[in-house]
C-alpha atoms as a PDB file:
ATOM      1  CA  ALA A   1      40.720  28.870  38.201  1.00  0.00           C
ATOM      2  CA  LEU A   2      43.195  27.263  35.281  1.00  0.00           C
ATOM      3  CA  PRO A   3      43.399  23.878  37.212  1.00  0.00           C
ATOM      4  CA  LEU A   4      39.820  23.976  37.693  1.00  0.00           C
ATOM      5  CA  ALA A   5      38.907  24.689  33.100  1.00  0.00           C
ATOM      6  CA  GLY A   6      42.218  22.224  33.087  1.00  0.00           C
ATOM      7  CA  GLY A   7      40.152  19.434  34.780  1.00  0.00           C
ATOM      8  CA  LEU A   8      36.813  20.263  32.767  1.00  0.00           C
ATOM      9  CA  ALA A   9      37.853  20.508  30.034  1.00  0.00           C
ATOM     10  CA  LEU A  10      40.402  17.175  30.615  1.00  0.00           C
ATOM     11  CA  HIS A  11      37.174  15.658  32.328  1.00  0.00           C
ATOM     12  CA  LEU A  12      34.833  16.612  28.826  1.00  0.00           C
ATOM     13  CA  LEU A  13      37.619  15.343  26.632  1.00  0.00           C
ATOM     14  CA  GLY A  14      36.763  12.193  27.833  1.00  0.00           C
ATOM     15  CA  TYR A  15      33.078  12.215  28.356  1.00  0.00           C
ATOM     16  CA  TRP A  16      33.163  13.269  24.847  1.00  0.00           C
ATOM     17  CA  ILE A  17      34.965  10.295  23.310  1.00  0.00           C
ATOM     18  CA  PHE A  18      33.376   8.026  25.346  1.00  0.00           C
ATOM     19  CA  ARG A  19      29.730   8.951  24.618  1.00  0.00           C
ATOM     20  CA  SER A  20      30.570   9.332  21.461  1.00  0.00           C
ATOM     21  CA  ALA A  21      32.271   5.988  21.309  1.00  0.00           C
ATOM     22  CA  ASN A  22      29.732   3.892  22.497  1.00  0.00           C
ATOM     23  CA  SER A  23      27.382   5.431  20.421  1.00  0.00           C
ATOM     24  CA  GLN A  24      28.219   4.900  17.129  1.00  0.00           C
ATOM     25  CA  LYS A  25      28.992   1.064  17.761  1.00  0.00           C
ATOM     26  CA  ASP A  26      25.556   1.765  18.956  1.00  0.00           C
ATOM     27  CA  ALA A  27      23.969   3.340  16.009  1.00  0.00           C
ATOM     28  CA  PHE A  28      25.488   0.136  13.670  1.00  0.00           C
ATOM     29  CA  ARG A  29      24.261  -2.600  15.818  1.00  0.00           C
ATOM     30  CA  ARG A  30      20.934  -1.048  15.733  1.00  0.00           C
ATOM     31  CA  ASP A  31      21.321  -0.621  11.498  1.00  0.00           C
ATOM     32  CA  PRO A  32      24.833  -1.227   9.638  1.00  0.00           C
ATOM     33  CA  THR A  33      23.258   0.637   7.004  1.00  0.00           C
ATOM     34  CA  ALA A  34      22.432   3.503   8.870  1.00  0.00           C
ATOM     35  CA  PRO A  35      23.646   6.919   6.872  1.00  0.00           C
ATOM     36  CA  GLY A  36      25.180   7.902  10.339  1.00  0.00           C
ATOM     37  CA  VAL A  37      27.746   4.639  10.245  1.00  0.00           C
ATOM     38  CA  ALA A  38      27.210   3.559   6.833  1.00  0.00           C
ATOM     39  CA  HIS A  39      31.077   4.735   5.920  1.00  0.00           C
ATOM     40  CA  LEU A  40      31.961   2.320   8.791  1.00  0.00           C
ATOM     41  CA  THR A  41      34.226  -0.659   7.350  1.00  0.00           C
ATOM     42  CA  PHE A  42      34.000  -4.253   9.227  1.00  0.00           C
ATOM     43  CA  LEU A  43      34.476  -7.806   9.782  1.00  0.00           C
ATOM     44  CA  GLU A  44      32.431 -11.305   9.978  1.00  0.00           C
ATOM     45  CA  THR A  45      33.962 -12.396  12.725  1.00  0.00           C
ATOM     46  CA  THR A  46      32.966 -16.817  12.825  1.00  0.00           C
ATOM     47  CA  ARG A  47      30.537 -16.123  15.152  1.00  0.00           C
ATOM     48  CA  GLY A  48      28.410 -13.939  12.913  1.00  0.00           C
ATOM     49  CA  THR A  49      28.830 -10.720  14.479  1.00  0.00           C
ATOM     50  CA  ARG A  50      30.622  -7.461  12.396  1.00  0.00           C
ATOM     51  CA  LEU A  51      34.501  -6.456  14.162  1.00  0.00           C
ATOM     52  CA  LEU A  52      33.958  -2.844  13.199  1.00  0.00           C
ATOM     53  CA  THR A  53      37.076  -1.819  11.057  1.00  0.00           C
ATOM     54  CA  SER A  54      37.671   2.305  11.375  1.00  0.00           C
ATOM     55  CA  GLY A  55      35.488   4.914  13.294  1.00  0.00           C
ATOM     56  CA  TRP A  56      36.201   4.779  16.935  1.00  0.00           C
ATOM     57  CA  TRP A  57      36.440   2.195  16.836  1.00  0.00           C
ATOM     58  CA  GLY A  58      39.105   1.194  13.649  1.00  0.00           C
ATOM     59  CA  SER A  59      41.334   3.835  15.788  1.00  0.00           C
ATOM     60  CA  ALA A  60      41.477   1.103  19.156  1.00  0.00           C
ATOM     61  CA  ARG A  61      39.387  -2.013  20.333  1.00  0.00           C
ATOM     62  CA  LYS A  62      37.495  -0.666  23.969  1.00  0.00           C
ATOM     63  CA  ILE A  63      38.147   3.554  23.005  1.00  0.00           C
ATOM     64  CA  ASN A  64      35.116   4.332  24.943  1.00  0.00           C
ATOM     65  CA  TYR A  65      37.623   2.997  28.603  1.00  0.00           C
ATOM     66  CA  THR A  66      39.513   6.137  26.680  1.00  0.00           C
ATOM     67  CA  GLY A  67      37.653   7.914  27.186  1.00  0.00           C
ATOM     68  CA  ASP A  68      36.044   6.967  30.939  1.00  0.00           C
ATOM     69  CA  TRP A  69      40.606   7.020  32.160  1.00  0.00           C
ATOM     70  CA  ILE A  70      40.412   9.711  30.995  1.00  0.00           C
ATOM     71  CA  MET A  71      37.762  11.080  33.028  1.00  0.00           C
ATOM     72  CA  GLY A  72      39.081   9.655  35.773  1.00  0.00           C
ATOM     73  CA  LEU A  73      41.862  11.295  35.364  1.00  0.00           C
ATOM     74  CA  SER A  74      40.271  14.953  35.751  1.00  0.00           C
ATOM     75  CA  TRP A  75      39.642  14.154  38.310  1.00  0.00           C
ATOM     76  CA  CYS A  76      42.453  12.807  40.043  1.00  0.00           C
ATOM     77  CA  ALA A  77      44.846  15.918  38.782  1.00  0.00           C
ATOM     78  CA  LEU A  78      41.926  18.439  40.922  1.00  0.00           C
ATOM     79  CA  CYS A  79      44.239  16.498  43.450  1.00  0.00           C
ATOM     80  CA  GLY A  80      46.587  18.179  42.558  1.00  0.00           C
ATOM     81  CA  THR A  81      50.753  15.567  42.753  1.00  0.00           C
ATOM     82  CA  ASP A  82      52.034  16.283  46.577  1.00  0.00           C
ATOM     83  CA  SER A  83      50.417  12.376  47.075  1.00  0.00           C
ATOM     84  CA  ALA A  84      49.807   9.481  44.121  1.00  0.00           C
ATOM     85  CA  VAL A  85      47.430   8.187  45.805  1.00  0.00           C
ATOM     86  CA  PRO A  86      44.098  10.008  44.578  1.00  0.00           C
ATOM     87  CA  TYR A  87      45.860   8.860  40.803  1.00  0.00           C
ATOM     88  CA  PHE A  88      45.368   5.159  41.901  1.00  0.00           C
ATOM     89  CA  TYR A  89      41.293   4.925  41.351  1.00  0.00           C
END
């Protein structure tokens, strides 16, 4: 039961990172002056787009993939460590 609970906790952490990072970017794209994202800093690019430099996207580029990777790891971890094959997901 403990490994299953640990796998579920890892999955939920990954899902939270994935969803909250994507939600933050989406909210900023929709309305950068909205109260939930108005505090975020950004750089104007030469293309005229805005590159977030704070919040989730200030921590790392493509931070949503980190959450996705953690979710994948939680699925693989359920297979144990007898074989490395599940970890090539």
